[in-house]
Amino acid sequence: MIESRSPQQPDDVVVAVEESSPSSVQAAVERARKAQSDWARSAAARSAALSAAADAVQAAAAELTDLMVREVGKPVTEAKGEVARSVAILRYYAQQVFDPVGELHEPSSAGLLYSRRRPHGVAGLITPWNFPLAIPLWKAAPALAFGNTVVLKPAPESTACALRLAELLDGVLPAGAFEVTPGDAEAGEALVAAVDVVSFTGSVAAGRAVAAAATGRGRPVQAEMGGQNPAVVLPDADVRAAAAMIAGAAAGFAGQKCTATKRVVVVGDPAPFRDAFVAAVEALAVGDPADASTSVGPVIDERARDKVVAAARSAVDAGGRVLTGGQGLDRDGWFVAPTVVEDAPMDHLLACDEVFGPICLLQQADSLADALALANGVDYGLVAGLYTADLNAALTAGEQLEAGLVKVNAPTSGVDFYLPFGGEKASSLGGREQGKAARDFYTSLHTVTIAPA
């Protein structure tokens, strides 16, 4: 059985369903394959169906918000925003259906020469629990828009959200166009072994395994695998504004975003920023995610809480110090205090790897060049931030930061769904997600030559 429990009230079983067996995954893929040719036939029908899907999600916004809060502990304000974003994603791709799908070229001799994009067939989507609607839909919507059908394998912790989404879409998409196969690793492996294109979001180890399995079958694959995201603060930055933005990016939704800030690199004397940052982190409201004032809810489970506490403890053992937080909270649920650590060595977990929780490391650099080298000195490259009023510094950072997204005077967390999303180095494999880039991934480009008889 797959059992999903509320992280703020672990005795609350949100849903319990039978895990999909490899044979049931294969059956779901076969249903999707059977539906795919009719689904791909009419762009107008696909656009109308995606618009209707947006209407269905919009009509269920309050219910979906409450379910997201209950199942994954997302603060209600963020949950409302995710539902609205999900609706916008569906509407965006309902219109992108009508974008050009090829180009007409001058032939080398008489005749007609053109290129045309075609769907791959059945898209297999493996998604995490932290954005239980937005990530499945920013994968599924473009896949569907360009004529593929979809089989989704959600994280076990967000099973209820995925199943409710499938119920909503069942009334507006044809049978088989959107299938959900609840399960864990075995279901994911079966899905990768059966579909025509794979999109994954999750850990580095799992993402690399998925990529190896898909490419071994000759199937296109993309994998987004998290980040160890730096925010560089220059001496001319607005200290209070930067501290507030970085605190929210590091600890909002308990730091459970692949774009969350994990390191803060302060150029020059760190004391003014340190004081403002600790105050900003301590001002974040920790509590019931159903409360509109809450910024930091629980982490997803006991193991995640213990990892944050252990990381803070090991940093102290290695010579660092905890400026605030560092312990679990004595209350129901998997709550941990937002944590800031300073002076951990460069080879410590907090300096070079991703801890998925409300914890970040404060570091110091003597110059912008040193700060950029420190920011780039990890295996990840998803998002990087810079806080400055200096345009030259902003342009330099934009050129030199090794990240898929560079943000100046803005939080590392959060992305625009209509622009390409993905990282460098260990953060990503394959093509970019979202925006116009999604069309390139979910279709194959064919060249057609027609010569005169």
Protein backbone atom coordinates (compact mmCIF):
# COMPACT_ATOMS: atom_id res chain seq x y z
CA MET A 1 0.00 0.00 0.00
CA ILE A 2 0.97 3.61 -0.59
CA GLU A 3 0.06 5.67 2.47
CA SER A 4 0.28 9.45 2.56
CA ARG A 5 0.19 11.16 5.97
CA SER A 6 -0.11 14.82 6.90
CA PRO A 7 3.29 16.12 8.08
CA GLN A 8 1.73 18.49 10.62
CA GLN A 9 -0.45 15.71 12.03
CA PRO A 10 1.25 12.38 11.29
CA ASP A 11 -1.66 10.27 12.56
CA ASP A 12 -3.84 11.80 9.81
CA VAL A 13 -3.79 9.37 6.86
CA VAL A 14 -4.71 11.51 3.87
CA VAL A 15 -4.97 8.56 1.48
CA ALA A 16 -4.05 4.88 1.35
CA VAL A 17 -4.11 3.13 -2.02
CA GLU A 18 -2.64 0.02 -3.55
CA GLU A 19 0.77 0.56 -5.10
CA SER A 20 0.84 0.19 -8.87
CA SER A 21 2.47 -3.07 -9.93
CA PRO A 22 4.66 -3.21 -13.04
CA SER A 23 1.76 -4.87 -14.89
CA SER A 24 -0.68 -2.13 -13.87
CA VAL A 25 1.81 0.52 -14.98
CA GLN A 26 2.11 -1.25 -18.32
CA ALA A 27 -1.69 -1.33 -18.62
CA ALA A 28 -1.86 2.42 -17.95
CA VAL A 29 0.74 3.04 -20.65
CA GLU A 30 -1.22 0.88 -23.09
CA ARG A 31 -4.40 2.87 -22.38
CA ALA A 32 -2.47 6.09 -22.97
CA ARG A 33 -0.98 4.72 -26.19
CA LYS A 34 -4.40 3.70 -27.46
CA ALA A 35 -5.72 7.24 -26.85
CA GLN A 36 -2.71 9.05 -28.31
CA SER A 37 -3.41 8.95 -32.05
CA ASP A 38 -6.90 10.45 -31.72
CA TRP A 39 -5.63 13.00 -29.17
CA ALA A 40 -2.87 14.17 -31.53
CA ARG A 41 -5.22 14.61 -34.50
CA SER A 42 -6.79 18.01 -33.71
CA ALA A 43 -4.97 21.04 -32.28
CA ALA A 44 -8.29 22.81 -31.74
CA ALA A 45 -9.64 19.90 -29.69
CA ARG A 46 -6.49 19.79 -27.57
CA SER A 47 -6.68 23.53 -26.94
CA ALA A 48 -10.34 23.31 -25.92
CA ALA A 49 -9.62 20.37 -23.61
CA LEU A 50 -6.71 22.14 -21.89
CA SER A 51 -8.84 25.26 -21.44
CA ALA A 52 -11.57 23.10 -19.91
CA ALA A 53 -8.96 21.50 -17.65
CA ALA A 54 -7.95 24.97 -16.46
CA ASP A 55 -11.59 25.73 -15.69
CA ALA A 56 -11.93 22.48 -13.74
CA VAL A 57 -8.85 23.19 -11.62
CA GLN A 58 -10.01 26.77 -11.06
CA ALA A 59 -13.45 25.60 -9.93
CA ALA A 60 -11.82 23.26 -7.39
CA ALA A 61 -9.26 25.83 -6.19
CA ALA A 62 -10.40 25.96 -2.57
CA GLU A 63 -10.56 22.17 -2.27
CA LEU A 64 -7.15 21.70 -3.90
CA THR A 65 -5.61 24.34 -1.66
CA ASP A 66 -6.90 22.61 1.47
CA LEU A 67 -5.74 19.21 0.21
CA MET A 68 -2.24 20.53 -0.54
CA VAL A 69 -1.97 22.09 2.92
CA ARG A 70 -3.11 18.86 4.53
CA GLU A 71 -1.04 16.41 2.49
CA VAL A 72 2.36 18.15 2.10
CA GLY A 73 2.19 20.91 4.75
CA LYS A 74 2.50 23.78 2.29
CA PRO A 75 1.54 27.12 3.93
CA VAL A 76 -1.90 28.09 2.73
CA THR A 77 -0.81 31.32 1.06
CA GLU A 78 1.74 29.42 -1.03
CA ALA A 79 -0.77 26.66 -1.72
CA LYS A 80 -3.27 29.17 -3.11
CA GLY A 81 -0.54 30.58 -5.31
CA GLU A 82 0.35 27.11 -6.61
CA VAL A 83 -3.24 26.38 -7.59
CA ALA A 84 -3.46 29.73 -9.43
CA ARG A 85 -0.16 28.97 -11.15
CA SER A 86 -1.46 25.54 -12.20
CA VAL A 87 -4.48 27.16 -13.84
CA ALA A 88 -2.24 29.65 -15.64
CA ILE A 89 0.03 26.84 -16.92
CA LEU A 90 -2.94 25.03 -18.47
CA ARG A 91 -4.22 28.22 -20.10
CA TYR A 92 -0.77 29.08 -21.43
CA TYR A 93 -0.32 25.72 -23.17
CA ALA A 94 -3.91 25.74 -24.42
CA GLN A 95 -2.81 28.69 -26.57
CA GLN A 96 0.67 27.39 -27.39
CA VAL A 97 -1.05 24.52 -29.20
CA PHE A 98 -1.42 26.90 -32.15
CA ASP A 99 2.25 27.91 -32.36
CA PRO A 100 4.08 26.95 -35.59
CA VAL A 101 5.24 23.34 -35.54
CA GLY A 102 7.75 23.58 -38.38
CA GLU A 103 9.39 25.72 -41.05
CA LEU A 104 9.31 25.94 -44.83
CA HIS A 105 12.76 25.92 -46.46
CA GLU A 106 14.17 26.61 -49.91
CA PRO A 107 14.74 23.24 -51.59
CA SER A 108 18.09 22.43 -53.15
CA SER A 109 16.19 21.84 -56.40
CA ALA A 110 12.55 22.02 -57.42
CA GLY A 111 9.91 20.86 -55.00
CA LEU A 112 8.91 21.41 -51.39
CA LEU A 113 11.17 21.15 -48.33
CA TYR A 114 9.85 21.60 -44.81
CA SER A 115 10.32 20.52 -41.21
CA ARG A 116 7.56 19.47 -38.86
CA ARG A 117 7.36 18.57 -35.19
CA ARG A 118 5.49 15.45 -34.12
CA PRO A 119 4.67 14.09 -30.64
CA HIS A 120 6.77 11.26 -29.27
CA GLY A 121 3.75 9.25 -28.12
CA VAL A 122 3.31 8.51 -24.39
CA ALA A 123 5.11 10.75 -21.89
CA GLY A 124 6.12 9.27 -18.54
CA LEU A 125 6.28 11.86 -15.75
CA ILE A 126 7.93 11.21 -12.38
CA THR A 127 7.30 14.08 -9.99
CA PRO A 128 8.13 15.11 -6.39
CA TRP A 129 5.78 15.96 -3.54
CA ASN A 130 6.79 19.58 -2.86
CA PHE A 131 4.83 21.09 -5.78
CA PRO A 132 2.10 18.45 -6.07
CA LEU A 133 0.09 20.29 -8.74
CA ALA A 134 2.44 22.74 -10.46
CA ILE A 135 5.25 20.32 -11.34
CA PRO A 136 2.97 17.58 -12.72
CA LEU A 137 1.13 20.20 -14.76
CA TRP A 138 4.16 22.07 -16.06
CA LYS A 139 5.23 18.69 -17.44
CA ALA A 140 1.83 17.33 -18.47
CA ALA A 141 0.37 20.47 -20.05
CA PRO A 142 3.03 20.87 -22.78
CA ALA A 143 3.19 17.11 -23.34
CA LEU A 144 -0.56 17.09 -23.94
CA ALA A 145 -0.55 20.32 -25.92
CA PHE A 146 1.79 18.89 -28.53
CA GLY A 147 -0.11 15.63 -28.98
CA ASN A 148 1.35 13.22 -26.44
CA THR A 149 -0.66 11.41 -23.81
CA VAL A 150 0.61 11.23 -20.22
CA VAL A 151 1.20 8.70 -17.46
CA LEU A 152 2.11 10.33 -14.13
CA LYS A 153 3.95 8.60 -11.28
CA PRO A 154 3.72 11.05 -8.35
CA ALA A 155 5.79 10.90 -5.18
CA PRO A 156 4.03 8.72 -2.58
CA GLU A 157 3.79 11.73 -0.23
CA SER A 158 1.58 13.61 -2.74
CA THR A 159 -0.59 10.72 -3.92
CA ALA A 160 -3.88 12.31 -2.87
CA CYS A 161 -3.20 15.52 -4.81
CA ALA A 162 -2.30 13.55 -7.95
CA LEU A 163 -5.39 11.35 -7.74
CA ARG A 164 -7.67 14.35 -7.24
CA LEU A 165 -6.07 16.09 -10.22
CA ALA A 166 -6.72 12.98 -12.31
CA GLU A 167 -10.38 13.01 -11.23
CA LEU A 168 -10.73 16.63 -12.29
CA LEU A 169 -9.10 16.03 -15.67
CA ASP A 170 -11.05 12.83 -16.27
CA GLY A 171 -14.13 14.86 -17.09
CA VAL A 172 -12.45 17.05 -19.70
CA LEU A 173 -9.71 14.92 -21.30
CA PRO A 174 -10.41 11.76 -23.30
CA ALA A 175 -10.06 8.41 -21.54
CA GLY A 176 -6.42 7.39 -21.36
CA ALA A 177 -4.97 10.83 -22.06
CA PHE A 178 -3.94 11.40 -18.42
CA GLU A 179 -3.22 8.33 -16.27
CA VAL A 180 -1.88 8.22 -12.70
CA THR A 181 0.07 5.25 -11.34
CA PRO A 182 0.68 5.64 -7.57
CA GLY A 183 3.81 3.96 -6.34
CA ASP A 184 7.45 4.19 -5.40
CA ALA A 185 10.67 3.14 -7.14
CA GLU A 186 9.33 -0.06 -8.70
CA ALA A 187 6.45 1.78 -10.36
CA GLY A 188 8.84 4.45 -11.60
CA GLU A 189 11.17 1.85 -13.10
CA ALA A 190 8.25 0.17 -14.86
CA LEU A 191 7.11 3.51 -16.26
CA VAL A 192 10.53 4.42 -17.64
CA ALA A 193 10.73 0.99 -19.27
CA ALA A 194 7.44 1.46 -21.16
CA VAL A 195 7.01 5.08 -22.31
CA ASP A 196 8.36 7.09 -25.27
CA VAL A 197 9.69 10.17 -23.45
CA VAL A 198 10.52 10.72 -19.76
CA SER A 199 10.53 13.82 -17.56
CA PHE A 200 11.78 13.50 -13.98
CA THR A 201 12.16 15.80 -10.99
CA GLY A 202 13.81 14.53 -7.81
CA SER A 203 17.13 13.51 -6.31
CA VAL A 204 20.45 13.26 -8.13
CA ALA A 205 20.79 9.52 -7.58
CA ALA A 206 17.28 8.72 -8.78
CA GLY A 207 17.52 11.16 -11.69
CA ARG A 208 20.73 9.63 -12.97
CA ALA A 209 19.23 6.15 -12.72
CA VAL A 210 16.16 7.29 -14.65
CA ALA A 211 18.30 8.97 -17.31
CA ALA A 212 20.46 5.87 -17.73
CA ALA A 213 17.41 3.62 -18.09
CA ALA A 214 15.66 5.91 -20.58
CA THR A 215 18.70 6.58 -22.75
CA GLY A 216 19.49 2.87 -22.68
CA ARG A 217 16.18 2.42 -24.49
CA GLY A 218 16.94 5.31 -26.85
CA ARG A 219 14.22 7.51 -25.34
CA PRO A 220 14.48 11.27 -24.75
CA VAL A 221 14.79 12.17 -21.07
CA GLN A 222 15.09 15.27 -18.94
CA ALA A 223 15.90 15.24 -15.24
CA GLU A 224 15.83 18.17 -12.82
CA MET A 225 17.72 17.16 -9.70
CA GLY A 226 17.86 19.99 -7.23
CA GLY A 227 20.36 22.62 -6.24
CA GLN A 228 22.76 24.00 -3.69
CA ASN A 229 21.83 27.57 -4.46
CA PRO A 230 24.00 30.54 -3.43
CA ALA A 231 22.97 34.14 -2.81
CA VAL A 232 25.86 36.63 -3.02
CA VAL A 233 25.44 39.86 -1.04
CA LEU A 234 27.69 42.79 -2.02
CA PRO A 235 28.53 45.68 0.35
CA ASP A 236 26.28 48.11 -1.56
CA ALA A 237 23.17 45.91 -1.23
CA ASP A 238 20.12 47.03 0.72
CA VAL A 239 20.88 44.91 3.78
CA ARG A 240 17.39 44.71 5.26
CA ALA A 241 15.67 44.03 1.96
CA ALA A 242 18.24 41.39 1.00
CA ALA A 243 18.03 39.75 4.43
CA ALA A 244 14.24 39.53 4.25
CA MET A 245 14.21 38.10 0.73
CA ILE A 246 16.91 35.54 1.45
CA ALA A 247 15.26 34.48 4.72
CA GLY A 248 12.04 33.73 2.85
CA ALA A 249 13.91 31.95 0.06
CA ALA A 250 15.86 29.83 2.53
CA ALA A 251 13.11 28.87 4.98
CA GLY A 252 9.75 29.52 3.31
CA PHE A 253 7.79 26.25 2.99
CA ALA A 254 10.44 24.91 5.37
CA GLY A 255 13.13 25.27 2.69
CA GLN A 256 11.61 22.43 0.66
CA LYS A 257 12.16 23.83 -2.81
CA CYS A 258 14.88 22.92 -5.27
CA THR A 259 15.33 26.69 -5.75
CA ALA A 260 15.66 27.49 -2.02
CA THR A 261 18.76 29.44 -0.94
CA LYS A 262 21.23 27.09 0.73
CA ARG A 263 24.31 29.35 1.02
CA VAL A 264 24.65 33.09 1.60
CA VAL A 265 28.02 34.53 0.53
CA VAL A 266 28.63 37.97 2.06
CA VAL A 267 31.37 40.10 0.48
CA GLY A 268 33.30 42.13 3.04
CA ASP A 269 32.37 42.48 6.70
CA PRO A 270 29.56 39.99 7.32
CA ALA A 271 28.41 41.47 10.63
CA PRO A 272 25.74 43.96 9.40
CA PHE A 273 24.12 41.42 7.12
CA ARG A 274 24.47 38.61 9.67
CA ASP A 275 22.52 40.53 12.28
CA ALA A 276 19.78 41.52 9.84
CA PHE A 277 19.56 38.02 8.39
CA VAL A 278 19.26 36.24 11.73
CA ALA A 279 16.57 38.72 12.76
CA ALA A 280 14.70 38.13 9.49
CA VAL A 281 14.87 34.35 9.88
CA GLU A 282 13.69 34.51 13.48
CA ALA A 283 10.79 36.75 12.41
CA LEU A 284 9.37 34.09 10.08
CA ALA A 285 6.17 32.63 11.48
CA VAL A 286 6.50 28.89 12.16
CA GLY A 287 3.32 26.92 12.71
CA ASP A 288 0.14 25.43 11.30
CA PRO A 289 0.30 25.67 7.49
CA ALA A 290 -3.46 26.27 7.41
CA ASP A 291 -2.88 29.60 9.20
CA ALA A 292 -2.51 32.45 6.70
CA SER A 293 0.25 34.05 8.81
CA THR A 294 2.49 30.96 8.63
CA SER A 295 5.62 31.09 6.47
CA VAL A 296 7.32 27.93 7.73
CA GLY A 297 5.29 24.77 8.17
CA PRO A 298 6.58 21.26 8.88
CA VAL A 299 9.10 19.33 6.84
CA ILE A 300 7.62 16.37 5.03
CA ASP A 301 8.49 13.58 7.49
CA GLU A 302 10.51 12.54 10.52
CA ARG A 303 13.55 11.62 8.45
CA ALA A 304 13.65 15.08 6.87
CA ARG A 305 13.46 16.74 10.29
CA ASP A 306 16.25 14.56 11.65
CA LYS A 307 18.49 15.37 8.66
CA VAL A 308 18.22 19.12 9.33
CA VAL A 309 18.99 18.69 13.03
CA ALA A 310 21.88 16.33 12.28
CA ALA A 311 23.35 18.74 9.70
CA ALA A 312 23.36 21.59 12.22
CA ARG A 313 24.90 19.38 14.90
CA SER A 314 27.63 18.08 12.61
CA ALA A 315 28.47 21.63 11.50
CA VAL A 316 29.14 22.55 15.13
CA ASP A 317 31.23 19.41 15.57
CA ALA A 318 33.26 20.48 12.52
CA GLY A 319 33.98 23.95 13.96
CA GLY A 320 30.96 25.94 12.80
CA ARG A 321 28.34 27.63 14.94
CA VAL A 322 24.58 27.81 14.86
CA LEU A 323 23.35 31.41 14.77
CA THR A 324 19.70 30.47 15.18
CA GLY A 325 17.58 27.32 15.14
CA GLY A 326 19.17 23.91 14.84
CA GLN A 327 16.58 21.86 16.70
CA GLY A 328 13.24 20.19 16.22
CA LEU A 329 10.22 21.84 17.82
CA ASP A 330 8.29 20.22 20.63
CA ARG A 331 4.89 19.99 19.02
CA ASP A 332 2.84 17.58 16.91
CA GLY A 333 4.21 17.12 13.43
CA TRP A 334 7.63 17.29 11.84
CA PHE A 335 8.56 20.87 12.69
CA VAL A 336 12.13 22.17 12.86
CA ALA A 337 13.28 25.69 13.68
CA PRO A 338 14.61 27.71 10.71
CA THR A 339 18.37 27.41 11.02
CA VAL A 340 21.38 29.53 10.06
CA VAL A 341 24.89 28.13 10.42
CA GLU A 342 28.20 29.99 10.08
CA ASP A 343 31.84 28.93 9.65
CA ALA A 344 31.24 25.34 8.57
CA PRO A 345 34.25 24.03 6.63
CA MET A 346 34.18 23.90 2.84
CA ASP A 347 33.85 20.13 2.74
CA HIS A 348 30.87 20.07 5.10
CA LEU A 349 27.49 18.90 3.84
CA LEU A 350 25.99 22.39 4.17
CA ALA A 351 28.73 23.88 2.01
CA CYS A 352 28.57 21.45 -0.87
CA ASP A 353 25.34 19.43 -0.90
CA GLU A 354 21.58 19.92 -0.61
CA VAL A 355 19.81 19.51 2.72
CA PHE A 356 16.10 19.69 1.93
CA GLY A 357 14.85 21.78 4.83
CA PRO A 358 14.92 25.24 6.44
CA ILE A 359 18.69 25.46 6.91
CA CYS A 360 21.37 27.54 5.20
CA LEU A 361 25.05 28.35 5.59
CA LEU A 362 26.50 31.86 5.94
CA GLN A 363 29.88 32.29 4.22
CA GLN A 364 32.26 35.24 3.71
CA ALA A 365 34.32 36.40 0.72
CA ASP A 366 36.76 39.28 0.26
CA SER A 367 35.74 40.28 -3.27
CA LEU A 368 33.14 39.69 -5.95
CA ALA A 369 35.57 37.40 -7.78
CA ASP A 370 36.10 35.33 -4.63
CA ALA A 371 32.35 35.21 -4.00
CA LEU A 372 31.61 33.99 -7.54
CA ALA A 373 34.29 31.31 -7.22
CA LEU A 374 32.76 30.21 -3.91
CA ALA A 375 29.27 30.23 -5.40
CA ASN A 376 30.40 28.13 -8.36
CA GLY A 377 32.49 25.73 -6.30
CA VAL A 378 29.87 23.00 -5.92
CA ASP A 379 28.55 20.22 -8.14
CA TYR A 380 25.15 21.87 -8.53
CA GLY A 381 24.10 24.78 -10.72
CA LEU A 382 20.35 25.40 -10.59
CA VAL A 383 19.83 28.97 -9.31
CA ALA A 384 22.14 31.70 -8.06
CA GLY A 385 21.32 35.13 -6.66
CA LEU A 386 23.14 38.44 -6.36
CA TYR A 387 22.18 41.46 -4.26
CA THR A 388 23.71 44.74 -5.41
CA ALA A 389 23.00 48.20 -6.80
CA ASP A 390 26.00 47.94 -9.16
CA LEU A 391 25.01 47.22 -12.76
CA ASN A 392 28.54 46.14 -13.67
CA ALA A 393 28.54 43.60 -10.85
CA ALA A 394 25.13 42.33 -11.96
CA LEU A 395 26.35 41.87 -15.53
CA THR A 396 29.51 40.14 -14.35
CA ALA A 397 27.51 37.75 -12.20
CA GLY A 398 25.12 37.05 -15.06
CA GLU A 399 28.07 36.00 -17.19
CA GLN A 400 30.06 34.05 -14.62
CA LEU A 401 27.59 32.33 -12.28
CA GLU A 402 27.31 28.67 -13.29
CA ALA A 403 23.56 28.33 -12.91
CA GLY A 404 20.58 27.84 -15.16
CA LEU A 405 18.85 30.79 -13.53
CA VAL A 406 20.57 33.94 -12.25
CA LYS A 407 18.53 36.40 -10.20
CA VAL A 408 19.62 39.89 -9.21
CA ASN A 409 17.91 41.50 -6.20
CA ALA A 410 15.30 38.75 -6.21
CA PRO A 411 14.87 35.49 -4.25
CA THR A 412 16.37 32.32 -5.66
CA SER A 413 13.06 30.57 -5.01
CA GLY A 414 10.32 30.76 -7.60
CA VAL A 415 10.36 30.49 -11.39
CA ASP A 416 8.31 31.92 -14.26
CA PHE A 417 6.41 29.09 -15.95
CA TYR A 418 6.61 30.72 -19.39
CA LEU A 419 10.43 30.73 -19.43
CA PRO A 420 12.90 27.81 -19.72
CA PHE A 421 13.76 26.15 -16.42
CA GLY A 422 16.74 23.92 -15.67
CA GLY A 423 20.25 23.95 -14.30
CA GLU A 424 23.88 23.19 -15.00
CA LYS A 425 26.19 20.43 -13.78
CA ALA A 426 24.51 17.95 -11.42
CA SER A 427 21.28 19.96 -11.30
CA SER A 428 19.96 18.90 -14.69
CA LEU A 429 20.19 16.39 -17.49
CA GLY A 430 18.54 16.79 -20.88
CA GLY A 431 16.54 19.70 -22.24
CA ARG A 432 14.94 22.58 -20.39
CA GLU A 433 11.42 22.52 -19.02
CA GLN A 434 8.58 25.05 -19.33
CA GLY A 435 7.94 27.90 -21.72
CA LYS A 436 8.68 27.47 -25.40
CA ALA A 437 11.51 25.06 -24.59
CA ALA A 438 8.97 22.39 -23.56
CA ARG A 439 7.81 22.01 -27.16
CA ASP A 440 11.30 21.00 -28.25
CA PHE A 441 11.46 18.28 -25.60
CA TYR A 442 8.02 16.75 -26.08
CA THR A 443 8.25 16.60 -29.89
CA SER A 444 10.57 15.14 -32.51
CA LEU A 445 11.60 17.22 -35.53
CA HIS A 446 11.13 15.60 -38.94
CA THR A 447 12.30 16.90 -42.34
CA VAL A 448 10.12 16.25 -45.39
CA THR A 449 11.21 16.59 -49.03
CA ILE A 450 8.64 16.48 -51.83
CA ALA A 451 10.14 16.51 -55.30
CA PRO A 452 8.13 16.97 -58.52
CA ALA A 453 6.93 13.77 -60.18
